[in-house]
């Protein structure tokens, strides 16, 4: 899945956690250290597959668990307008 962070969304690290803020709507969301790393990878790669690959390499965790955790985070962020998704990226080409 392709990920995009809207232009009006800001990200700030505070110690070992982070805050995401949509300056247009005033919506904010706090992240723990793992969520912060997920966000950094999402903003760097813009693709869930690449984020999952990086997280599996960095942490000793099963891919299925990373995928579930990332999907949950993306759903929460999407619901708050902090990230947009496009599922067409992983669709097979015909």
N, C-alpha and C. Protein backbone atom coordinates (compact mmCIF):
# COMPACT_ATOMS: atom_id res chain seq x y z
N UNK A 1 0.85 -1.17 0.00
CA UNK A 1 0.00 0.00 0.00
C UNK A 1 0.89 1.24 0.00
N UNK A 2 0.52 2.20 -0.81
CA UNK A 2 1.25 3.46 -0.87
C UNK A 2 0.74 4.39 0.22
N UNK A 3 1.67 5.09 0.86
CA UNK A 3 1.33 6.02 1.95
C UNK A 3 1.75 7.42 1.58
N UNK A 4 0.94 8.39 1.98
CA UNK A 4 1.31 9.79 1.77
C UNK A 4 0.96 10.59 3.01
N UNK A 5 1.89 11.43 3.40
CA UNK A 5 1.68 12.30 4.55
C UNK A 5 1.27 13.67 4.01
N UNK A 6 0.07 14.14 4.38
CA UNK A 6 -0.38 15.45 3.88
C UNK A 6 0.59 16.57 4.26
N UNK A 7 0.63 17.61 3.43
CA UNK A 7 1.55 18.73 3.65
C UNK A 7 1.32 19.46 4.97
N UNK A 8 0.09 19.43 5.48
CA UNK A 8 -0.21 20.17 6.71
C UNK A 8 -0.03 19.32 7.97
N UNK A 9 0.67 18.18 7.84
CA UNK A 9 0.95 17.33 8.99
C UNK A 9 2.42 17.49 9.39
N UNK A 10 2.61 17.77 10.69
CA UNK A 10 3.97 17.95 11.23
C UNK A 10 4.27 16.82 12.20
N UNK A 11 5.55 16.53 12.34
CA UNK A 11 6.04 15.44 13.19
C UNK A 11 7.18 15.99 14.04
N UNK A 12 7.11 15.76 15.35
CA UNK A 12 8.18 16.21 16.25
C UNK A 12 8.51 15.10 17.24
N UNK A 13 9.82 14.86 17.42
CA UNK A 13 10.28 13.88 18.39
C UNK A 13 10.44 14.58 19.73
N UNK A 14 9.91 13.96 20.79
CA UNK A 14 10.02 14.47 22.15
C UNK A 14 10.59 13.35 23.01
N UNK A 15 11.90 13.37 23.22
CA UNK A 15 12.55 12.28 23.95
C UNK A 15 12.55 11.02 23.11
N UNK A 16 12.00 9.92 23.66
CA UNK A 16 11.94 8.68 22.90
C UNK A 16 10.54 8.44 22.32
N UNK A 17 9.71 9.48 22.35
CA UNK A 17 8.37 9.41 21.77
C UNK A 17 8.22 10.54 20.76
N UNK A 18 7.06 10.61 20.12
CA UNK A 18 6.85 11.64 19.11
C UNK A 18 5.38 12.06 19.10
N UNK A 19 5.15 13.22 18.49
CA UNK A 19 3.80 13.74 18.32
C UNK A 19 3.62 14.09 16.84
N UNK A 20 2.45 13.72 16.31
CA UNK A 20 2.08 14.08 14.95
C UNK A 20 0.94 15.09 15.08
N UNK A 21 1.01 16.18 14.33
CA UNK A 21 0.00 17.23 14.41
C UNK A 21 -0.44 17.64 13.01
N UNK A 22 -1.74 17.67 12.80
CA UNK A 22 -2.30 18.24 11.58
C UNK A 22 -2.61 19.70 11.91
N UNK A 23 -1.79 20.61 11.38
CA UNK A 23 -1.93 22.02 11.74
C UNK A 23 -3.22 22.62 11.20
N UNK A 24 -3.79 22.07 10.14
CA UNK A 24 -5.04 22.59 9.57
C UNK A 24 -6.24 22.24 10.45
N UNK A 25 -6.26 21.02 10.98
CA UNK A 25 -7.42 20.57 11.75
C UNK A 25 -7.21 20.63 13.27
N UNK A 26 -5.94 20.71 13.70
CA UNK A 26 -5.64 20.71 15.12
C UNK A 26 -5.60 19.31 15.73
N UNK A 27 -5.75 18.28 14.92
CA UNK A 27 -5.72 16.90 15.40
C UNK A 27 -4.27 16.50 15.67
N UNK A 28 -4.04 15.87 16.83
CA UNK A 28 -2.70 15.38 17.13
C UNK A 28 -2.77 13.94 17.60
N UNK A 29 -1.61 13.27 17.53
CA UNK A 29 -1.53 11.85 17.85
C UNK A 29 -0.16 11.59 18.43
N UNK A 30 -0.10 10.91 19.58
CA UNK A 30 1.17 10.57 20.20
C UNK A 30 1.63 9.18 19.81
N UNK A 31 2.95 9.02 19.67
CA UNK A 31 3.54 7.73 19.31
C UNK A 31 4.57 7.30 20.35
N UNK A 32 4.60 5.99 20.64
CA UNK A 32 5.68 5.46 21.47
C UNK A 32 6.92 5.27 20.58
N UNK A 33 7.99 4.69 21.11
CA UNK A 33 9.23 4.59 20.36
C UNK A 33 9.09 3.73 19.10
N UNK A 34 8.33 2.63 19.17
CA UNK A 34 8.14 1.77 17.99
C UNK A 34 7.25 2.48 16.97
N UNK A 35 6.20 3.12 17.43
CA UNK A 35 5.34 3.89 16.53
C UNK A 35 6.11 5.01 15.86
N UNK A 36 7.02 5.64 16.60
CA UNK A 36 7.87 6.69 16.04
C UNK A 36 8.72 6.13 14.91
N UNK A 37 9.30 4.96 15.13
CA UNK A 37 10.12 4.34 14.07
C UNK A 37 9.27 3.99 12.86
N UNK A 38 8.05 3.48 13.10
CA UNK A 38 7.15 3.18 11.98
C UNK A 38 6.87 4.45 11.18
N UNK A 39 6.58 5.56 11.87
CA UNK A 39 6.29 6.82 11.19
C UNK A 39 7.49 7.28 10.38
N UNK A 40 8.69 7.19 10.96
CA UNK A 40 9.89 7.61 10.24
C UNK A 40 10.06 6.80 8.96
N UNK A 41 9.84 5.49 9.06
CA UNK A 41 9.96 4.64 7.88
C UNK A 41 8.86 4.91 6.86
N UNK A 42 7.64 5.18 7.34
CA UNK A 42 6.55 5.52 6.42
C UNK A 42 6.87 6.79 5.65
N UNK A 43 7.39 7.79 6.34
CA UNK A 43 7.70 9.05 5.67
C UNK A 43 8.90 8.90 4.73
N UNK A 44 9.81 8.00 5.06
CA UNK A 44 10.99 7.77 4.22
C UNK A 44 10.66 6.95 2.98
N UNK A 45 9.90 5.87 3.16
CA UNK A 45 9.66 4.93 2.07
C UNK A 45 8.32 5.12 1.36
N UNK A 46 7.28 5.56 2.05
CA UNK A 46 5.98 5.75 1.44
C UNK A 46 5.31 4.48 0.97
N UNK A 47 5.73 3.34 1.53
CA UNK A 47 5.17 2.05 1.12
C UNK A 47 5.15 1.11 2.31
N UNK A 48 4.02 0.46 2.55
CA UNK A 48 3.94 -0.45 3.69
C UNK A 48 4.89 -1.63 3.54
N UNK A 49 5.05 -2.14 2.32
CA UNK A 49 5.94 -3.29 2.13
C UNK A 49 7.37 -2.96 2.53
N UNK A 50 7.84 -1.78 2.16
CA UNK A 50 9.21 -1.37 2.52
C UNK A 50 9.35 -1.12 4.01
N UNK A 51 8.31 -0.57 4.62
CA UNK A 51 8.32 -0.34 6.07
C UNK A 51 8.38 -1.68 6.80
N UNK A 52 7.57 -2.62 6.39
CA UNK A 52 7.55 -3.94 7.03
C UNK A 52 8.89 -4.62 6.88
N UNK A 53 9.47 -4.56 5.70
CA UNK A 53 10.78 -5.16 5.47
C UNK A 53 11.84 -4.57 6.40
N UNK A 54 11.84 -3.25 6.53
CA UNK A 54 12.82 -2.58 7.40
C UNK A 54 12.60 -2.95 8.86
N UNK A 55 11.34 -2.99 9.31
CA UNK A 55 11.06 -3.31 10.71
C UNK A 55 11.42 -4.75 11.05
N UNK A 56 11.17 -5.67 10.14
CA UNK A 56 11.54 -7.07 10.37
C UNK A 56 13.06 -7.19 10.50
N UNK A 57 13.79 -6.40 9.69
CA UNK A 57 15.26 -6.40 9.77
C UNK A 57 15.76 -5.78 11.07
N UNK A 58 15.08 -4.74 11.57
CA UNK A 58 15.54 -4.01 12.76
C UNK A 58 15.15 -4.67 14.07
N UNK A 59 13.98 -5.29 14.11
CA UNK A 59 13.47 -5.88 15.35
C UNK A 59 13.34 -7.39 15.16
N UNK A 60 13.47 -8.13 16.22
CA UNK A 60 13.28 -9.58 16.16
C UNK A 60 11.80 -9.87 16.32
N UNK A 61 11.07 -9.80 15.20
CA UNK A 61 9.62 -9.96 15.23
C UNK A 61 9.18 -10.61 13.93
N UNK A 62 8.08 -11.33 14.00
CA UNK A 62 7.52 -11.98 12.83
C UNK A 62 6.89 -10.95 11.90
N UNK A 63 6.97 -11.19 10.61
CA UNK A 63 6.39 -10.27 9.62
C UNK A 63 4.89 -10.09 9.83
N UNK A 64 4.18 -11.17 10.16
CA UNK A 64 2.73 -11.07 10.36
C UNK A 64 2.39 -10.10 11.50
N UNK A 65 3.17 -10.12 12.57
CA UNK A 65 2.93 -9.21 13.70
C UNK A 65 3.21 -7.78 13.30
N UNK A 66 4.31 -7.56 12.58
CA UNK A 66 4.64 -6.20 12.12
C UNK A 66 3.55 -5.68 11.20
N UNK A 67 3.09 -6.52 10.29
CA UNK A 67 2.05 -6.12 9.34
C UNK A 67 0.77 -5.71 10.09
N UNK A 68 0.37 -6.51 11.08
CA UNK A 68 -0.83 -6.21 11.86
C UNK A 68 -0.67 -4.91 12.64
N UNK A 69 0.48 -4.73 13.30
CA UNK A 69 0.72 -3.51 14.08
C UNK A 69 0.75 -2.28 13.17
N UNK A 70 1.40 -2.41 12.03
CA UNK A 70 1.48 -1.29 11.09
C UNK A 70 0.10 -0.96 10.52
N UNK A 71 -0.66 -1.98 10.15
CA UNK A 71 -2.02 -1.75 9.64
C UNK A 71 -2.89 -1.04 10.67
N UNK A 72 -2.77 -1.43 11.94
CA UNK A 72 -3.53 -0.78 13.01
C UNK A 72 -3.14 0.69 13.14
N UNK A 73 -1.83 0.97 13.11
CA UNK A 73 -1.36 2.36 13.22
C UNK A 73 -1.84 3.18 12.03
N UNK A 74 -1.71 2.63 10.83
CA UNK A 74 -2.13 3.36 9.63
C UNK A 74 -3.63 3.65 9.68
N UNK A 75 -4.42 2.68 10.13
CA UNK A 75 -5.86 2.88 10.22
C UNK A 75 -6.18 4.03 11.19
N UNK A 76 -5.51 4.06 12.34
CA UNK A 76 -5.73 5.13 13.33
C UNK A 76 -5.32 6.48 12.76
N UNK A 77 -4.17 6.52 12.11
CA UNK A 77 -3.68 7.78 11.54
C UNK A 77 -4.57 8.25 10.40
N UNK A 78 -5.02 7.31 9.58
CA UNK A 78 -5.89 7.64 8.46
C UNK A 78 -7.23 8.19 8.95
N UNK A 79 -7.77 7.57 9.99
CA UNK A 79 -9.04 8.03 10.57
C UNK A 79 -8.94 9.47 11.07
N UNK A 80 -7.74 9.87 11.49
CA UNK A 80 -7.54 11.22 12.02
C UNK A 80 -7.02 12.19 10.96
N UNK A 81 -6.89 11.72 9.71
CA UNK A 81 -6.42 12.58 8.62
C UNK A 81 -4.94 12.89 8.67
N UNK A 82 -4.17 12.02 9.34
CA UNK A 82 -2.73 12.26 9.47
C UNK A 82 -1.90 11.53 8.42
N UNK A 83 -2.53 10.63 7.68
CA UNK A 83 -1.88 9.92 6.58
C UNK A 83 -2.97 9.50 5.60
N UNK A 84 -2.62 9.46 4.32
CA UNK A 84 -3.55 8.96 3.32
C UNK A 84 -2.95 7.72 2.68
N UNK A 85 -3.82 6.83 2.23
CA UNK A 85 -3.36 5.57 1.65
C UNK A 85 -3.92 5.38 0.26
N UNK A 86 -3.19 4.59 -0.51
CA UNK A 86 -3.62 4.21 -1.85
C UNK A 86 -3.26 2.74 -2.02
N UNK A 87 -4.26 1.88 -1.95
CA UNK A 87 -4.03 0.44 -1.99
C UNK A 87 -3.63 -0.07 -3.36
N UNK A 88 -3.65 0.76 -4.38
CA UNK A 88 -3.36 0.27 -5.73
C UNK A 88 -1.90 -0.08 -5.95
N UNK A 89 -1.00 0.40 -5.09
CA UNK A 89 0.43 0.15 -5.30
C UNK A 89 0.76 -1.33 -5.32
N UNK A 90 0.13 -2.12 -4.45
CA UNK A 90 0.47 -3.53 -4.36
C UNK A 90 -0.40 -4.42 -5.25
N UNK A 91 -1.29 -3.81 -6.04
CA UNK A 91 -2.11 -4.60 -6.96
C UNK A 91 -1.24 -5.13 -8.10
N UNK A 92 -1.44 -6.37 -8.48
CA UNK A 92 -0.64 -6.92 -9.56
C UNK A 92 -0.93 -6.21 -10.88
N UNK A 93 0.12 -5.99 -11.65
CA UNK A 93 -0.03 -5.37 -12.97
C UNK A 93 -0.63 -6.37 -13.94
N UNK A 94 -1.49 -5.88 -14.80
CA UNK A 94 -2.12 -6.78 -15.79
C UNK A 94 -1.83 -6.32 -17.17
